[in-house]
């Protein structure tokens, strides 16, 4: 009988297998550990780069924050400086406004003083004119500063010939006598009658008539004629009859006639000269108070616009009706938009032996 062999579980083949297994485990561990270290190293490098980038960004932003803080501090200083400057400017403005108010007040006071002096001077001139008129009334003629050839006595005062035996005063009573500007003329002609009569230009014209009448010789005859589209005596129903300068009732009636009259209508110098030409005897002294060239001739016109050439033609037509030998003294209150009026009336005064006066606003 064969002898059975004893079984050994720890044989050489088993040990080889176990060794191989342990070797494989160790190899796997080594490979896995190396890969982990490589990955960690790679991750660490990326993190460090990102950290450096963030740190640089933080550093840059910190520098910008410092710069902004410095800029804000400078801006605060500028704001404080600007505020102080604004306060000083405001104080300076207040001082200048106070000085300007003082200057305006002083100027207003001076203007009031000047106006008072002008009013006083005007009253004195009026009183002097009345005294001259009183002297002229006591004498047959006034004292002449210069003399000219012609009929009647002549008295020269302010460049005007105050005198003569038969004196005619022609007063323009057209709508243009309401004011010296076209705009105000249009505005005033639509006002009530009382306001038209109180227009400063018309009141100056009335004052001029009163001044002339105050200086007429006592033995003179006179007539006051108003004209616009027609011509008529200021004293109703006297027509071309002569009035006496020495008669207070005649002079008062003439002045009252123009004081209650409101300027209206166009200007026909033809009608005024035609009425003078019908007087008997003819005047030896004519005073023409006017502001512009005529706008119509013998007949009224329906036209609302007329140019300078046509007005000169109407002026020349009116001169044909002026009686020869009658000197015309023109007192012109210039109106806007009629530049030819001054030379035309100046020429009229020259060729007739009269005088030409364009007085200031405070005359007479």
Protein backbone atom coordinates (compact mmCIF):
# COMPACT_ATOMS: atom_id res chain seq x y z
CA UNK A 1 0.00 0.00 0.00
CA UNK A 2 1.24 3.27 -1.13
CA UNK A 3 2.12 5.86 1.43
CA UNK A 4 0.02 9.06 1.25
CA UNK A 5 1.87 12.36 1.03
CA UNK A 6 1.16 15.03 3.66
CA UNK A 7 -0.64 18.15 2.28
CA UNK A 8 1.12 21.61 2.88
CA UNK A 9 -0.96 24.68 2.18
CA UNK A 10 2.05 26.95 2.25
CA UNK A 11 3.62 25.53 -0.81
CA UNK A 12 5.97 27.42 -3.15
CA UNK A 13 3.23 28.16 -5.71
CA UNK A 14 1.02 29.74 -3.13
CA UNK A 15 3.79 31.92 -1.87
CA UNK A 16 4.54 33.04 -5.40
CA UNK A 17 0.98 34.01 -5.95
CA UNK A 18 0.79 35.95 -2.70
CA UNK A 19 4.05 37.69 -3.48
CA UNK A 20 2.77 38.70 -6.83
CA UNK A 21 -0.41 40.03 -5.30
CA UNK A 22 1.43 42.06 -2.69
CA UNK A 23 3.71 43.37 -5.38
CA UNK A 24 0.77 44.45 -7.47
CA UNK A 25 -0.82 46.22 -4.51
CA UNK A 26 2.40 48.07 -3.77
CA UNK A 27 2.77 49.02 -7.44
CA UNK A 28 -0.77 50.35 -7.55
CA UNK A 29 -0.21 52.37 -4.38
CA UNK A 30 2.97 53.86 -5.75
CA UNK A 31 1.26 54.85 -9.02
CA UNK A 32 -1.76 56.35 -7.27
CA UNK A 33 0.38 58.30 -4.80
CA UNK A 34 2.55 59.73 -7.59
CA UNK A 35 -0.48 60.86 -9.55
CA UNK A 36 -1.92 62.52 -6.46
CA UNK A 37 1.29 64.39 -5.79
CA UNK A 38 1.48 65.56 -9.43
CA UNK A 39 -2.10 66.77 -9.39
CA UNK A 40 -1.58 68.54 -6.09
CA UNK A 41 1.54 70.20 -7.41
CA UNK A 42 -0.32 71.36 -10.55
CA UNK A 43 -3.27 72.63 -8.52
CA UNK A 44 -0.91 74.41 -6.13
CA UNK A 45 0.84 76.22 -9.02
CA UNK A 46 -2.50 77.42 -10.46
CA UNK A 47 -3.71 78.57 -7.05
CA UNK A 48 -0.50 80.45 -6.41
CA UNK A 49 -0.78 82.20 -9.79
CA UNK A 50 -4.40 83.14 -9.05
CA UNK A 51 -3.46 84.30 -5.56
CA UNK A 52 -0.65 86.47 -6.98
CA UNK A 53 -3.06 87.93 -9.54
CA UNK A 54 -5.63 88.70 -6.84
CA UNK A 55 -2.96 90.20 -4.62
CA UNK A 56 -1.75 92.42 -7.45
CA UNK A 57 -5.35 93.43 -8.14
CA UNK A 58 -5.88 94.21 -4.46
CA UNK A 59 -2.66 96.20 -4.42
CA UNK A 60 -3.70 98.18 -7.51
CA UNK A 61 -7.15 98.85 -6.12
CA UNK A 62 -5.62 99.91 -2.83
CA UNK A 63 -3.43 102.40 -4.66
CA UNK A 64 -6.45 103.69 -6.57
CA UNK A 65 -8.37 103.98 -3.31
CA UNK A 66 -5.53 106.04 -1.86
CA UNK A 67 -5.52 108.25 -4.95
CA UNK A 68 -9.30 108.68 -4.76
CA UNK A 69 -9.05 109.58 -1.08
CA UNK A 70 -6.38 112.15 -1.91
CA UNK A 71 -8.52 113.53 -4.75
CA UNK A 72 -11.55 113.68 -2.47
CA UNK A 73 -9.50 115.57 0.10
CA UNK A 74 -8.34 118.03 -2.55
CA UNK A 75 -11.93 118.40 -3.81
CA UNK A 76 -13.12 119.10 -0.28
CA UNK A 77 -10.44 121.79 0.02
CA UNK A 78 -11.52 123.29 -3.31
CA UNK A 79 -15.17 123.21 -2.21
CA UNK A 80 -14.28 125.01 0.98
CA UNK A 81 -12.22 127.57 -0.99
CA UNK A 82 -15.02 128.03 -3.54
CA UNK A 83 -17.57 128.46 -0.78
CA UNK A 84 -15.44 131.13 0.85
CA UNK A 85 -14.96 132.83 -2.52
CA UNK A 86 -18.72 132.68 -3.17
CA UNK A 87 -19.35 134.31 0.19
CA UNK A 88 -16.88 137.10 -0.63
CA UNK A 89 -18.42 137.58 -4.09
CA UNK A 90 -21.92 137.73 -2.57
CA UNK A 91 -20.72 140.31 -0.06
CA UNK A 92 -19.10 142.32 -2.86
CA UNK A 93 -22.34 142.19 -4.88
CA UNK A 94 -24.31 143.44 -1.88
CA UNK A 95 -21.85 146.30 -1.43
CA UNK A 96 -22.07 147.23 -5.13
CA UNK A 97 -25.88 147.06 -5.03
CA UNK A 98 -25.90 149.34 -2.03
CA UNK A 99 -23.56 151.77 -3.80
CA UNK A 100 -25.72 151.61 -6.94
CA UNK A 101 -28.84 152.30 -4.89
CA UNK A 102 -27.10 155.28 -3.31
CA UNK A 103 -26.03 156.54 -6.74
CA UNK A 104 -29.55 156.08 -8.14
CA UNK A 105 -31.01 157.91 -5.19
CA UNK A 106 -28.48 160.68 -5.61
CA UNK A 107 -29.18 160.78 -9.37
CA UNK A 108 -32.92 160.94 -8.74
CA UNK A 109 -32.37 163.77 -6.32
CA UNK A 110 -30.26 165.60 -8.89
CA UNK A 111 -32.87 164.98 -11.56
CA UNK A 112 -35.58 166.33 -9.28
CA UNK A 113 -33.42 169.36 -8.59
CA UNK A 114 -32.82 169.87 -12.31
CA UNK A 115 -36.53 169.53 -13.05
CA UNK A 116 -37.34 172.02 -10.32
CA UNK A 117 -34.79 174.44 -11.75
CA UNK A 118 -36.20 173.95 -15.25
CA UNK A 119 -39.72 174.63 -14.00
CA UNK A 120 -38.53 177.73 -12.19
CA UNK A 121 -36.61 178.87 -15.28
CA UNK A 122 -39.67 178.30 -17.44
CA UNK A 123 -41.79 180.37 -15.06
CA UNK A 124 -39.18 183.13 -15.12
CA UNK A 125 -39.04 183.05 -18.92
CA UNK A 126 -42.82 183.22 -19.11
CA UNK A 127 -42.82 186.13 -16.68
CA UNK A 128 -40.12 187.84 -18.74
CA UNK A 129 -42.16 187.27 -21.89
CA UNK A 130 -45.21 188.78 -20.22
CA UNK A 131 -43.15 191.75 -19.13
CA UNK A 132 -41.86 192.17 -22.68
CA UNK A 133 -45.44 192.02 -23.88
CA UNK A 134 -46.44 194.65 -21.35
CA UNK A 135 -43.64 196.92 -22.53
CA UNK A 136 -44.66 196.32 -26.14
CA UNK A 137 -48.25 197.22 -25.24
CA UNK A 138 -47.11 200.53 -23.80
CA UNK A 139 -45.15 201.43 -26.90
CA UNK A 140 -46.24 201.54 -30.50
CA UNK A 141 -43.54 198.98 -31.28
CA UNK A 142 -41.01 196.96 -29.36
CA UNK A 143 -37.31 197.61 -29.21
CA UNK A 144 -35.67 195.88 -32.17
CA UNK A 145 -32.42 194.01 -31.96
CA UNK A 146 -32.11 194.36 -35.76
CA UNK A 147 -34.28 195.82 -38.50
CA UNK A 148 -35.44 194.81 -41.99
CA UNK A 149 -37.19 196.57 -44.81
CA UNK A 150 -40.92 196.10 -45.12
CA UNK A 151 -44.29 197.40 -44.05
CA UNK A 152 -45.22 197.61 -40.39
CA UNK A 153 -43.13 197.68 -37.26
CA UNK A 154 -40.95 194.66 -36.49
CA UNK A 155 -39.72 193.48 -33.12
CA UNK A 156 -37.14 190.71 -32.94
CA UNK A 157 -37.25 188.38 -29.97
CA UNK A 158 -35.64 184.96 -29.89
CA UNK A 159 -35.06 185.22 -33.64
CA UNK A 160 -38.78 185.81 -34.33
CA UNK A 161 -40.28 189.04 -35.62
CA UNK A 162 -42.81 190.10 -33.02
CA UNK A 163 -44.58 193.13 -34.37
CA UNK A 164 -46.46 194.55 -37.31
CA UNK A 165 -49.86 196.14 -37.71
CA UNK A 166 -51.71 193.08 -39.00
CA UNK A 167 -50.53 189.77 -37.57
CA UNK A 168 -51.80 186.32 -38.52
CA UNK A 169 -51.06 183.22 -36.45
CA UNK A 170 -51.53 179.96 -38.36
CA UNK A 171 -51.77 176.94 -36.05
CA UNK A 172 -51.58 173.38 -37.39
CA UNK A 173 -54.45 171.46 -35.72
CA UNK A 174 -54.05 168.17 -37.58
CA UNK A 175 -53.70 164.79 -35.86
CA UNK A 176 -49.91 164.91 -36.20
CA UNK A 177 -49.84 167.61 -33.50
CA UNK A 178 -50.74 164.94 -30.93
CA UNK A 179 -47.16 163.65 -30.69
CA UNK A 180 -43.78 163.67 -32.43
CA UNK A 181 -43.69 159.92 -33.22
CA UNK A 182 -46.00 158.15 -35.65
CA UNK A 183 -46.73 155.29 -33.22
CA UNK A 184 -47.88 157.65 -30.46
CA UNK A 185 -49.89 159.72 -32.92
CA UNK A 186 -51.83 156.62 -33.94
CA UNK A 187 -52.31 155.68 -30.30
CA UNK A 188 -53.38 159.13 -29.15
CA UNK A 189 -55.84 159.83 -31.95
CA UNK A 190 -58.06 157.04 -30.57
CA UNK A 191 -58.10 158.53 -27.05
CA UNK A 192 -60.96 160.61 -25.63
CA UNK A 193 -61.08 164.31 -26.56
CA UNK A 194 -59.85 165.46 -23.15
CA UNK A 195 -56.72 163.32 -23.39
CA UNK A 196 -56.05 164.51 -26.94
CA UNK A 197 -56.23 168.13 -25.78
CA UNK A 198 -53.80 167.41 -22.94
CA UNK A 199 -51.14 165.94 -25.28
CA UNK A 200 -47.77 167.57 -24.46
CA UNK A 201 -47.04 168.57 -28.07
CA UNK A 202 -50.43 170.24 -28.51
CA UNK A 203 -50.04 172.07 -25.21
CA UNK A 204 -46.62 173.35 -26.39
CA UNK A 205 -48.28 174.69 -29.52
CA UNK A 206 -50.95 176.45 -27.44
CA UNK A 207 -48.22 177.90 -25.19
CA UNK A 208 -46.39 179.18 -28.28
CA UNK A 209 -49.53 180.95 -29.50
CA UNK A 210 -50.02 182.50 -26.07
CA UNK A 211 -46.37 183.67 -26.03
CA UNK A 212 -46.74 185.34 -29.44
CA UNK A 213 -49.98 187.05 -28.45
CA UNK A 214 -48.42 188.30 -25.21
CA UNK A 215 -45.73 190.11 -27.23
CA UNK A 216 -47.89 191.76 -29.91
CA UNK A 217 -47.90 195.59 -30.02
CA UNK A 218 -50.92 197.17 -28.37
CA UNK A 219 -52.07 198.89 -31.55
CA UNK A 220 -51.82 195.75 -33.71
CA UNK A 221 -54.61 193.76 -35.28
CA UNK A 222 -54.47 190.00 -35.29
CA UNK A 223 -56.24 186.83 -36.34
CA UNK A 224 -55.69 183.26 -35.10
CA UNK A 225 -56.42 180.63 -37.77
CA UNK A 226 -56.35 176.88 -37.16
CA UNK A 227 -56.05 174.46 -40.06
CA UNK A 228 -56.17 170.73 -40.72
CA UNK A 229 -58.23 169.53 -43.68
CA UNK A 230 -59.91 172.97 -43.65
CA UNK A 231 -59.04 176.37 -42.18
CA UNK A 232 -61.10 178.54 -39.83
CA UNK A 233 -60.71 181.25 -37.22
CA UNK A 234 -60.26 180.18 -33.61
CA UNK A 235 -62.88 182.78 -32.69
CA UNK A 236 -66.20 181.56 -34.04
CA UNK A 237 -67.96 183.60 -36.72
CA UNK A 238 -65.12 186.11 -37.15
CA UNK A 239 -63.85 184.54 -40.36
CA UNK A 240 -61.21 186.78 -41.95
CA UNK A 241 -62.11 189.82 -39.83
CA UNK A 242 -59.28 191.43 -37.89
CA UNK A 243 -59.32 191.38 -34.09
CA UNK A 244 -57.68 193.97 -31.81
CA UNK A 245 -54.69 192.95 -29.73
CA UNK A 246 -55.51 195.55 -27.07
CA UNK A 247 -58.95 194.04 -26.50
CA UNK A 248 -58.64 191.42 -23.78
CA UNK A 249 -61.91 189.82 -24.84
CA UNK A 250 -60.53 189.17 -28.34
CA UNK A 251 -57.29 187.57 -27.15
CA UNK A 252 -59.07 185.52 -24.47
CA UNK A 253 -61.64 184.28 -27.00
CA UNK A 254 -58.90 183.23 -29.42
CA UNK A 255 -56.97 181.34 -26.76
CA UNK A 256 -60.12 179.71 -25.41
CA UNK A 257 -60.97 178.55 -28.93
CA UNK A 258 -57.73 176.51 -29.29
CA UNK A 259 -57.70 175.31 -25.67
CA UNK A 260 -61.00 173.50 -26.24
CA UNK A 261 -59.91 172.06 -29.60
CA UNK A 262 -58.46 168.56 -30.13
CA UNK A 263 -56.10 167.97 -33.07
CA UNK A 264 -57.56 165.74 -35.79
CA UNK A 265 -57.49 165.03 -39.51
CA UNK A 266 -54.91 165.68 -42.20
CA UNK A 267 -52.85 168.78 -43.01
CA UNK A 268 -53.84 171.20 -45.80
CA UNK A 269 -51.46 174.16 -45.90
CA UNK A 270 -53.26 175.23 -49.08
CA UNK A 271 -56.46 176.00 -47.14
CA UNK A 272 -54.52 178.01 -44.52
CA UNK A 273 -52.72 180.21 -47.08
CA UNK A 274 -55.91 180.58 -49.13
CA UNK A 275 -57.73 182.00 -46.09
CA UNK A 276 -54.84 184.40 -45.40
CA UNK A 277 -55.00 185.55 -49.02
CA UNK A 278 -58.66 186.54 -48.53
CA UNK A 279 -57.93 188.90 -45.65
CA UNK A 280 -58.24 192.66 -46.11
CA UNK A 281 -55.82 194.25 -45.61
CA UNK A 282 -53.24 191.53 -46.12
CA UNK A 283 -51.07 190.68 -43.10
CA UNK A 284 -47.61 192.17 -42.73
CA UNK A 285 -46.48 189.40 -40.38
CA UNK A 286 -47.39 185.70 -40.40
CA UNK A 287 -46.54 183.13 -37.74
CA UNK A 288 -46.82 179.52 -38.92
CA UNK A 289 -46.81 176.88 -36.16
CA UNK A 290 -46.53 173.50 -37.87
CA UNK A 291 -44.81 170.13 -37.55
CA UNK A 292 -44.67 168.59 -41.02
CA UNK A 293 -45.28 169.07 -44.72
CA UNK A 294 -48.92 168.96 -45.89
CA UNK A 295 -50.65 165.68 -46.62
CA UNK A 296 -53.39 167.14 -48.84
CA UNK A 297 -54.02 170.11 -51.11
CA UNK A 298 -57.12 172.07 -52.00
CA UNK A 299 -59.35 169.03 -51.59
CA UNK A 300 -59.29 166.32 -48.96
CA UNK A 301 -57.80 163.00 -50.01
CA UNK A 302 -58.93 159.51 -49.06
CA UNK A 303 -55.38 158.16 -49.22
CA UNK A 304 -53.77 157.02 -45.97
CA UNK A 305 -50.15 156.93 -47.19
CA UNK A 306 -48.28 159.69 -49.02
CA UNK A 307 -44.57 159.83 -49.79
CA UNK A 308 -42.16 162.74 -49.37
CA UNK A 309 -42.15 163.68 -53.05
CA UNK A 310 -45.93 164.13 -53.07
CA UNK A 311 -45.80 166.15 -49.85
CA UNK A 312 -43.22 168.50 -51.37
CA UNK A 313 -45.49 168.93 -54.40
CA UNK A 314 -48.43 169.81 -52.11
CA UNK A 315 -46.18 172.26 -50.25
CA UNK A 316 -45.23 173.98 -53.52
CA UNK A 317 -48.91 174.12 -54.51
CA UNK A 318 -49.78 175.78 -51.19
CA UNK A 319 -47.08 178.44 -51.66
CA UNK A 320 -48.90 179.71 -54.73
CA UNK A 321 -51.75 180.83 -52.45
CA UNK A 322 -49.47 182.77 -50.10
CA UNK A 323 -49.91 186.55 -50.54
CA UNK A 324 -46.83 188.37 -51.76
CA UNK A 325 -45.02 190.65 -49.32
CA UNK A 326 -46.09 188.76 -46.19
CA UNK A 327 -43.05 187.49 -44.24
CA UNK A 328 -43.62 184.02 -42.80
CA UNK A 329 -42.03 183.15 -39.45
CA UNK A 330 -41.99 179.37 -39.11
CA UNK A 331 -42.01 177.63 -35.72
CA UNK A 332 -41.46 173.96 -36.50
CA UNK A 333 -42.08 171.11 -34.07
CA UNK A 334 -40.36 168.31 -36.07
CA UNK A 335 -42.20 165.04 -36.51
CA UNK A 336 -40.75 161.59 -37.06
CA UNK A 337 -40.64 160.40 -40.66
CA UNK A 338 -40.63 163.82 -42.38
CA UNK A 339 -36.96 164.77 -42.98
CA UNK A 340 -37.79 167.20 -45.81
CA UNK A 341 -39.94 169.46 -43.61
CA UNK A 342 -37.08 171.36 -41.95
CA UNK A 343 -35.26 172.45 -45.15
CA UNK A 344 -38.56 173.24 -46.89
CA UNK A 345 -39.88 175.53 -44.16
CA UNK A 346 -36.45 177.07 -43.64
CA UNK A 347 -36.45 177.98 -47.35
CA UNK A 348 -39.98 179.42 -47.01
CA UNK A 349 -38.82 181.68 -44.18
CA UNK A 350 -35.80 182.78 -46.20
CA UNK A 351 -37.62 183.68 -49.42
CA UNK A 352 -40.37 185.60 -47.59
CA UNK A 353 -38.01 187.52 -45.28
CA UNK A 354 -39.19 185.74 -42.15
CA UNK A 355 -37.48 183.65 -39.48
CA UNK A 356 -37.20 179.93 -38.82
CA UNK A 357 -37.23 178.38 -35.35
CA UNK A 358 -37.23 174.75 -34.27
CA UNK A 359 -37.51 175.12 -30.50
CA UNK A 360 -36.54 172.60 -27.80
CA UNK A 361 -39.19 170.66 -25.89
CA UNK A 362 -39.19 173.13 -22.96
CA UNK A 363 -39.93 176.20 -25.14
CA UNK A 364 -41.68 178.60 -24.76
